[in-house]
């Protein structure tokens, strides 16, 4: 098995796995990664992961700040920012954190787990407690 080490500097902020490449094993790094080929293994990035049309990632866990998919991505996704599934992409796995944007024509199979605040009306319905009544301006 070949090992590849990528160093990041101000001039080298992105690593690329070309369309003819197939990588087995864990990938980690501090920059962005674009996958045009095939990756089989976990990915942990402090940056953005992009899986291009024709690219595929199969992993137990993928961690990144942002993820954009035009190809195929399978695994448990843990993100800080958005997961974008573009038209024609296939995303299979649970998404934790961030948010999920699906373009028309994208396929998604999995669950989403996001933290968010409900509007007061929905919070009331969810908890069974009434919303506090407030007097309208000019009324008592």
N, C-alpha and C. Protein backbone atom coordinates (compact mmCIF):
# COMPACT_ATOMS: atom_id res chain seq x y z
N UNK A 1 0.85 -1.17 0.00
CA UNK A 1 0.00 0.00 0.00
C UNK A 1 0.89 1.23 0.00
N UNK A 2 0.62 2.14 -0.88
CA UNK A 2 1.39 3.38 -0.99
C UNK A 2 0.87 4.40 0.01
N UNK A 3 1.77 5.17 0.54
CA UNK A 3 1.39 6.26 1.45
C UNK A 3 1.71 7.58 0.78
N UNK A 4 0.80 8.51 0.92
CA UNK A 4 1.01 9.83 0.36
C UNK A 4 0.90 10.85 1.48
N UNK A 5 1.85 11.73 1.56
CA UNK A 5 1.83 12.79 2.56
C UNK A 5 1.66 14.11 1.83
N UNK A 6 0.68 14.87 2.25
CA UNK A 6 0.45 16.18 1.65
C UNK A 6 0.74 17.23 2.69
N UNK A 7 1.62 18.18 2.36
CA UNK A 7 1.89 19.29 3.25
C UNK A 7 1.14 20.50 2.76
N UNK A 8 0.58 21.23 3.70
CA UNK A 8 -0.15 22.44 3.34
C UNK A 8 0.66 23.67 3.71
N UNK A 9 0.68 24.63 2.81
CA UNK A 9 1.23 25.95 3.10
C UNK A 9 0.27 26.95 2.49
N UNK A 10 0.61 28.20 2.52
CA UNK A 10 -0.30 29.19 1.95
C UNK A 10 -0.50 28.95 0.45
N UNK A 11 0.49 28.31 -0.22
CA UNK A 11 0.36 28.03 -1.64
C UNK A 11 -0.26 26.67 -1.91
N UNK A 12 -0.34 25.82 -0.90
CA UNK A 12 -0.84 24.47 -1.10
C UNK A 12 -2.02 24.23 -0.15
N UNK A 13 -3.19 24.76 -0.48
CA UNK A 13 -4.35 24.62 0.40
C UNK A 13 -5.28 23.51 0.01
N UNK A 14 -4.98 22.80 -1.11
CA UNK A 14 -5.89 21.77 -1.57
C UNK A 14 -5.13 20.55 -2.05
N UNK A 15 -5.65 19.38 -1.69
CA UNK A 15 -5.11 18.12 -2.19
C UNK A 15 -6.14 17.53 -3.14
N UNK A 16 -5.66 16.76 -4.12
CA UNK A 16 -6.56 16.20 -5.13
C UNK A 16 -6.24 14.73 -5.33
N UNK A 17 -7.29 13.92 -5.37
CA UNK A 17 -7.14 12.51 -5.73
C UNK A 17 -7.74 12.39 -7.12
N UNK A 18 -6.87 12.19 -8.11
CA UNK A 18 -7.25 12.22 -9.52
C UNK A 18 -8.19 11.09 -9.92
N UNK A 19 -8.79 11.26 -11.10
CA UNK A 19 -9.81 10.33 -11.57
C UNK A 19 -9.30 8.91 -11.78
N UNK A 20 -8.02 8.74 -11.99
CA UNK A 20 -7.46 7.40 -12.17
C UNK A 20 -6.97 6.76 -10.88
N UNK A 21 -7.07 7.48 -9.77
CA UNK A 21 -6.52 6.99 -8.50
C UNK A 21 -7.56 6.27 -7.66
N UNK A 22 -7.08 5.27 -6.93
CA UNK A 22 -7.92 4.53 -5.98
C UNK A 22 -7.14 4.45 -4.68
N UNK A 23 -7.73 4.99 -3.60
CA UNK A 23 -7.04 5.07 -2.32
C UNK A 23 -7.79 4.23 -1.30
N UNK A 24 -7.04 3.36 -0.58
CA UNK A 24 -7.59 2.56 0.52
C UNK A 24 -6.92 3.02 1.80
N UNK A 25 -7.72 3.33 2.83
CA UNK A 25 -7.14 3.73 4.10
C UNK A 25 -7.64 5.07 4.56
N UNK A 26 -7.19 5.48 5.73
CA UNK A 26 -7.64 6.73 6.36
C UNK A 26 -6.90 7.92 5.76
N UNK A 27 -7.65 9.00 5.51
CA UNK A 27 -7.07 10.24 5.01
C UNK A 27 -7.37 11.33 6.04
N UNK A 28 -6.35 12.11 6.40
CA UNK A 28 -6.56 13.24 7.30
C UNK A 28 -5.71 14.40 6.83
N UNK A 29 -6.17 15.61 7.13
CA UNK A 29 -5.40 16.78 6.72
C UNK A 29 -6.01 18.07 7.20
N UNK A 30 -5.25 19.15 6.98
CA UNK A 30 -5.67 20.47 7.43
C UNK A 30 -6.18 21.35 6.30
N UNK A 31 -6.25 20.86 5.09
CA UNK A 31 -6.72 21.66 3.97
C UNK A 31 -7.92 21.03 3.31
N UNK A 32 -8.23 21.50 2.13
CA UNK A 32 -9.35 20.98 1.35
C UNK A 32 -8.91 19.74 0.57
N UNK A 33 -9.87 18.89 0.27
CA UNK A 33 -9.61 17.68 -0.52
C UNK A 33 -10.67 17.54 -1.59
N UNK A 34 -10.22 17.33 -2.83
CA UNK A 34 -11.12 17.06 -3.94
C UNK A 34 -10.89 15.62 -4.38
N UNK A 35 -11.97 14.84 -4.43
CA UNK A 35 -11.89 13.44 -4.84
C UNK A 35 -12.53 13.30 -6.21
N UNK A 36 -11.69 12.99 -7.20
CA UNK A 36 -12.16 12.72 -8.55
C UNK A 36 -12.15 11.22 -8.82
N UNK A 37 -11.35 10.48 -8.04
CA UNK A 37 -11.23 9.04 -8.18
C UNK A 37 -12.07 8.33 -7.14
N UNK A 38 -11.47 7.29 -6.53
CA UNK A 38 -12.21 6.47 -5.58
C UNK A 38 -11.43 6.39 -4.26
N UNK A 39 -12.15 6.63 -3.15
CA UNK A 39 -11.57 6.52 -1.82
C UNK A 39 -12.39 5.51 -1.03
N UNK A 40 -11.70 4.57 -0.40
CA UNK A 40 -12.33 3.61 0.50
C UNK A 40 -11.62 3.71 1.83
N UNK A 41 -12.22 4.45 2.76
CA UNK A 41 -11.62 4.65 4.07
C UNK A 41 -12.09 5.96 4.67
N UNK A 42 -11.88 6.11 5.96
CA UNK A 42 -12.34 7.30 6.68
C UNK A 42 -11.57 8.54 6.24
N UNK A 43 -12.27 9.68 6.32
CA UNK A 43 -11.67 10.97 5.98
C UNK A 43 -11.92 11.94 7.12
N UNK A 44 -10.86 12.60 7.59
CA UNK A 44 -10.96 13.62 8.64
C UNK A 44 -10.21 14.84 8.14
N UNK A 45 -10.96 15.94 7.91
CA UNK A 45 -10.36 17.15 7.35
C UNK A 45 -10.68 18.37 8.18
N UNK A 46 -9.76 19.31 8.21
CA UNK A 46 -10.04 20.68 8.68
C UNK A 46 -10.09 21.52 7.42
N UNK A 47 -11.13 21.30 6.66
CA UNK A 47 -11.30 21.98 5.39
C UNK A 47 -12.52 21.41 4.70
N UNK A 48 -12.63 21.66 3.41
CA UNK A 48 -13.78 21.24 2.64
C UNK A 48 -13.47 19.97 1.86
N UNK A 49 -14.43 19.06 1.84
CA UNK A 49 -14.34 17.86 1.01
C UNK A 49 -15.26 18.05 -0.19
N UNK A 50 -14.72 17.82 -1.38
CA UNK A 50 -15.51 17.87 -2.61
C UNK A 50 -15.37 16.52 -3.30
N UNK A 51 -16.51 15.89 -3.59
CA UNK A 51 -16.52 14.64 -4.35
C UNK A 51 -17.13 14.99 -5.71
N UNK A 52 -16.31 14.95 -6.75
CA UNK A 52 -16.75 15.40 -8.07
C UNK A 52 -17.58 14.32 -8.77
N UNK A 53 -18.22 14.72 -9.86
CA UNK A 53 -18.95 13.79 -10.71
C UNK A 53 -17.96 12.72 -11.19
N UNK A 54 -18.26 11.47 -10.96
CA UNK A 54 -17.34 10.40 -11.29
C UNK A 54 -16.48 9.97 -10.10
N UNK A 55 -16.43 10.77 -9.05
CA UNK A 55 -15.69 10.43 -7.85
C UNK A 55 -16.57 9.68 -6.86
N UNK A 56 -15.95 8.89 -5.98
CA UNK A 56 -16.73 8.19 -4.96
C UNK A 56 -15.92 8.04 -3.68
N UNK A 57 -16.64 8.12 -2.56
CA UNK A 57 -16.05 7.91 -1.24
C UNK A 57 -16.94 6.93 -0.51
N UNK A 58 -16.33 5.84 0.00
CA UNK A 58 -17.03 4.88 0.84
C UNK A 58 -16.27 4.82 2.16
N UNK A 59 -16.93 5.21 3.25
CA UNK A 59 -16.25 5.33 4.54
C UNK A 59 -17.20 5.00 5.68
N UNK A 60 -16.64 4.64 6.82
CA UNK A 60 -17.48 4.56 8.03
C UNK A 60 -17.79 5.97 8.49
N UNK A 61 -16.77 6.85 8.52
CA UNK A 61 -16.94 8.21 9.01
C UNK A 61 -16.22 9.21 8.10
N UNK A 62 -16.90 10.31 7.80
CA UNK A 62 -16.30 11.42 7.08
C UNK A 62 -16.52 12.67 7.93
N UNK A 63 -15.43 13.35 8.30
CA UNK A 63 -15.50 14.59 9.07
C UNK A 63 -14.86 15.70 8.25
N UNK A 64 -15.59 16.82 8.12
CA UNK A 64 -15.06 17.97 7.38
C UNK A 64 -15.82 19.22 7.80
N UNK A 65 -15.25 20.37 7.45
CA UNK A 65 -15.95 21.62 7.74
C UNK A 65 -17.15 21.78 6.81
N UNK A 66 -16.98 21.44 5.54
CA UNK A 66 -18.05 21.48 4.54
C UNK A 66 -17.88 20.30 3.60
N UNK A 67 -18.99 19.85 3.02
CA UNK A 67 -18.93 18.75 2.06
C UNK A 67 -19.81 19.12 0.87
N UNK A 68 -19.26 18.97 -0.34
CA UNK A 68 -20.01 19.16 -1.57
C UNK A 68 -19.88 17.89 -2.40
N UNK A 69 -21.02 17.36 -2.86
CA UNK A 69 -21.00 16.08 -3.56
C UNK A 69 -21.67 16.21 -4.93
N UNK A 70 -20.94 15.83 -5.97
CA UNK A 70 -21.50 15.68 -7.31
C UNK A 70 -21.50 14.21 -7.70
N UNK A 71 -20.67 13.41 -7.02
CA UNK A 71 -20.53 11.99 -7.29
C UNK A 71 -21.28 11.16 -6.26
N UNK A 72 -20.55 10.21 -5.63
CA UNK A 72 -21.15 9.28 -4.67
C UNK A 72 -20.41 9.38 -3.34
N UNK A 73 -21.17 9.49 -2.25
CA UNK A 73 -20.59 9.55 -0.90
C UNK A 73 -21.41 8.68 0.02
N UNK A 74 -20.75 7.70 0.64
CA UNK A 74 -21.41 6.81 1.59
C UNK A 74 -20.64 6.82 2.89
N UNK A 75 -21.36 7.06 4.00
CA UNK A 75 -20.74 7.03 5.32
C UNK A 75 -21.45 7.96 6.28
N UNK A 76 -21.03 7.90 7.52
CA UNK A 76 -21.54 8.77 8.58
C UNK A 76 -20.85 10.12 8.41
N UNK A 77 -21.63 11.18 8.19
CA UNK A 77 -21.07 12.50 7.90
C UNK A 77 -21.17 13.40 9.12
N UNK A 78 -20.04 13.94 9.55
CA UNK A 78 -19.99 14.88 10.67
C UNK A 78 -19.39 16.17 10.14
N UNK A 79 -20.23 17.22 10.10
CA UNK A 79 -19.80 18.48 9.50
C UNK A 79 -20.11 19.66 10.40
N UNK A 80 -19.35 20.73 10.22
CA UNK A 80 -19.62 21.98 10.93
C UNK A 80 -20.49 22.88 10.07
N UNK A 81 -20.28 22.87 8.79
CA UNK A 81 -21.02 23.71 7.85
C UNK A 81 -21.98 22.88 7.03
N UNK A 82 -22.24 23.31 5.81
CA UNK A 82 -23.24 22.63 4.99
C UNK A 82 -22.74 21.36 4.31
N UNK A 83 -23.68 20.46 4.06
CA UNK A 83 -23.49 19.34 3.14
C UNK A 83 -24.34 19.69 1.93
N UNK A 84 -23.71 19.80 0.76
CA UNK A 84 -24.43 20.13 -0.47
C UNK A 84 -24.42 18.91 -1.38
N UNK A 85 -25.60 18.38 -1.69
CA UNK A 85 -25.73 17.28 -2.64
C UNK A 85 -26.25 17.87 -3.94
N UNK A 86 -25.40 17.92 -4.95
CA UNK A 86 -25.75 18.54 -6.21
C UNK A 86 -26.53 17.57 -7.10
N UNK A 87 -27.17 18.09 -8.13
CA UNK A 87 -27.98 17.28 -9.04
C UNK A 87 -27.16 16.10 -9.57
N UNK A 88 -27.74 14.91 -9.52
CA UNK A 88 -27.06 13.72 -10.01
C UNK A 88 -26.20 13.01 -8.98
N UNK A 89 -26.04 13.59 -7.80
CA UNK A 89 -25.20 12.96 -6.76
C UNK A 89 -26.00 11.94 -5.97
N UNK A 90 -25.26 11.06 -5.28
CA UNK A 90 -25.87 10.09 -4.36
C UNK A 90 -25.15 10.18 -3.03
N UNK A 91 -25.93 10.48 -1.98
CA UNK A 91 -25.38 10.55 -0.63
C UNK A 91 -26.15 9.53 0.20
N UNK A 92 -25.42 8.61 0.83
CA UNK A 92 -26.04 7.56 1.63
C UNK A 92 -25.34 7.54 2.98
N UNK A 93 -26.09 7.89 4.05
CA UNK A 93 -25.53 7.90 5.39
C UNK A 93 -26.17 8.98 6.22
N UNK A 94 -25.91 8.96 7.49
CA UNK A 94 -26.48 9.95 8.41
C UNK A 94 -25.62 11.21 8.43
N UNK A 95 -26.28 12.36 8.57
CA UNK A 95 -25.60 13.65 8.58
C UNK A 95 -25.78 14.27 9.96
N UNK A 96 -24.66 14.63 10.61
CA UNK A 96 -24.68 15.23 11.95
C UNK A 96 -24.06 16.62 11.88
N UNK A 97 -24.78 17.62 12.45
CA UNK A 97 -24.29 18.99 12.49
C UNK A 97 -24.55 19.73 11.20
N UNK A 98 -24.14 20.98 11.15
CA UNK A 98 -24.28 21.75 9.92
C UNK A 98 -25.69 21.81 9.38
N UNK A 99 -25.82 21.74 8.06
CA UNK A 99 -27.12 21.69 7.42
C UNK A 99 -27.00 20.90 6.12
N UNK A 100 -28.13 20.57 5.54
CA UNK A 100 -28.17 19.74 4.34
C UNK A 100 -28.93 20.47 3.25
N UNK A 101 -28.31 20.59 2.08
CA UNK A 101 -28.96 21.20 0.92
C UNK A 101 -28.97 20.19 -0.21
N UNK A 102 -30.16 19.83 -0.68
CA UNK A 102 -30.31 18.86 -1.76
C UNK A 102 -30.83 19.56 -3.01
N UNK A 103 -30.07 19.48 -4.08
CA UNK A 103 -30.56 20.02 -5.34
C UNK A 103 -31.52 19.01 -5.96
N UNK A 104 -32.39 19.50 -6.82
CA UNK A 104 -33.30 18.61 -7.53
C UNK A 104 -32.47 17.62 -8.33
N UNK A 105 -32.82 16.34 -8.21
CA UNK A 105 -32.08 15.30 -8.90
C UNK A 105 -31.01 14.63 -8.05
N UNK A 106 -30.76 15.15 -6.86
CA UNK A 106 -29.82 14.51 -5.93
C UNK A 106 -30.55 13.42 -5.17
N UNK A 107 -29.83 12.35 -4.84
CA UNK A 107 -30.41 11.26 -4.04
C UNK A 107 -29.80 11.29 -2.65
N UNK A 108 -30.64 11.16 -1.63
CA UNK A 108 -30.17 11.11 -0.24
C UNK A 108 -30.92 10.00 0.49
N UNK A 109 -30.18 9.14 1.17
CA UNK A 109 -30.77 8.10 2.01
C UNK A 109 -30.04 8.14 3.34
N UNK A 110 -30.76 8.48 4.40
CA UNK A 110 -30.14 8.56 5.71
C UNK A 110 -30.97 9.42 6.64
N UNK A 111 -30.40 9.73 7.77
CA UNK A 111 -31.06 10.58 8.76
C UNK A 111 -30.24 11.84 8.95
N UNK A 112 -30.90 12.90 9.38
CA UNK A 112 -30.20 14.15 9.68
C UNK A 112 -30.34 14.45 11.15
N UNK A 113 -29.28 14.97 11.75
CA UNK A 113 -29.24 15.29 13.17
C UNK A 113 -28.64 16.69 13.30
N UNK A 114 -29.52 17.71 13.41
CA UNK A 114 -29.09 19.08 13.50
C UNK A 114 -29.64 19.69 14.77
N UNK A 115 -28.92 20.64 15.35
CA UNK A 115 -29.41 21.44 16.46
C UNK A 115 -30.01 22.72 15.89
N UNK A 116 -31.23 23.03 16.31
CA UNK A 116 -31.87 24.26 15.87
C UNK A 116 -32.92 24.65 16.89
N UNK A 117 -33.34 25.92 16.83
CA UNK A 117 -34.36 26.42 17.73
C UNK A 117 -35.69 26.47 17.00
N UNK A 118 -36.72 25.98 17.66
CA UNK A 118 -38.06 26.03 17.09
C UNK A 118 -38.71 27.38 17.36
N UNK A 119 -39.54 27.86 16.43
CA UNK A 119 -40.34 29.05 16.74
C UNK A 119 -41.24 28.74 17.94
N UNK A 120 -41.63 29.77 18.67
CA UNK A 120 -42.42 29.60 19.90
C UNK A 120 -43.67 28.76 19.66
N UNK A 121 -44.35 28.95 18.54
CA UNK A 121 -45.58 28.21 18.27
C UNK A 121 -45.31 26.71 18.15
N UNK A 122 -44.21 26.36 17.50
CA UNK A 122 -43.87 24.95 17.35
C UNK A 122 -43.33 24.37 18.65
N UNK A 123 -42.58 25.16 19.40
CA UNK A 123 -42.07 24.72 20.70
C UNK A 123 -43.23 24.37 21.61
N UNK A 124 -44.27 25.19 21.59
CA UNK A 124 -45.45 24.95 22.40
C UNK A 124 -46.10 23.63 22.02
N UNK A 125 -46.23 23.38 20.73
CA UNK A 125 -46.83 22.13 20.26
C UNK A 125 -45.97 20.93 20.64
N UNK A 126 -44.66 21.09 20.60
CA UNK A 126 -43.75 19.99 20.90
C UNK A 126 -43.71 19.67 22.39
N UNK A 127 -43.82 20.70 23.25
CA UNK A 127 -43.70 20.48 24.68
C UNK A 127 -45.04 20.37 25.38
N UNK A 128 -46.10 20.81 24.72
CA UNK A 128 -47.42 20.77 25.34
C UNK A 128 -47.69 21.94 26.27
N UNK A 129 -46.75 22.88 26.38
CA UNK A 129 -46.94 24.07 27.23
C UNK A 129 -47.43 25.22 26.37
N UNK A 130 -48.38 25.99 26.87
CA UNK A 130 -48.90 27.12 26.08
C UNK A 130 -47.86 28.23 25.94
N UNK A 131 -47.96 28.96 24.85
CA UNK A 131 -47.11 30.12 24.62
C UNK A 131 -47.62 31.24 25.50
N UNK A 132 -46.71 31.98 26.15
CA UNK A 132 -47.13 33.10 27.00
C UNK A 132 -47.85 34.13 26.17
N UNK A 133 -49.01 34.56 26.67
CA UNK A 133 -49.78 35.59 25.97
C UNK A 133 -49.15 36.94 26.23
N UNK A 134 -48.98 37.71 25.20
CA UNK A 134 -48.44 39.06 25.33
C UNK A 134 -49.46 40.02 24.76
N UNK A 135 -49.64 41.13 25.44
CA UNK A 135 -50.60 42.14 24.98
C UNK A 135 -50.06 42.79 23.73
N UNK A 136 -50.93 42.99 22.77
CA UNK A 136 -50.54 43.69 21.55
C UNK A 136 -50.26 45.15 21.90
N UNK A 137 -49.40 45.82 21.12
CA UNK A 137 -49.10 47.22 21.41
C UNK A 137 -50.38 48.06 21.46
N UNK A 138 -50.49 48.88 22.49
CA UNK A 138 -51.65 49.75 22.62
C UNK A 138 -52.85 49.08 23.29
N UNK A 139 -52.74 47.81 23.64
CA UNK A 139 -53.84 47.10 24.31
C UNK A 139 -53.37 46.60 25.67
N UNK A 140 -54.31 46.55 26.61
CA UNK A 140 -54.00 46.02 27.95
C UNK A 140 -55.06 45.07 28.37
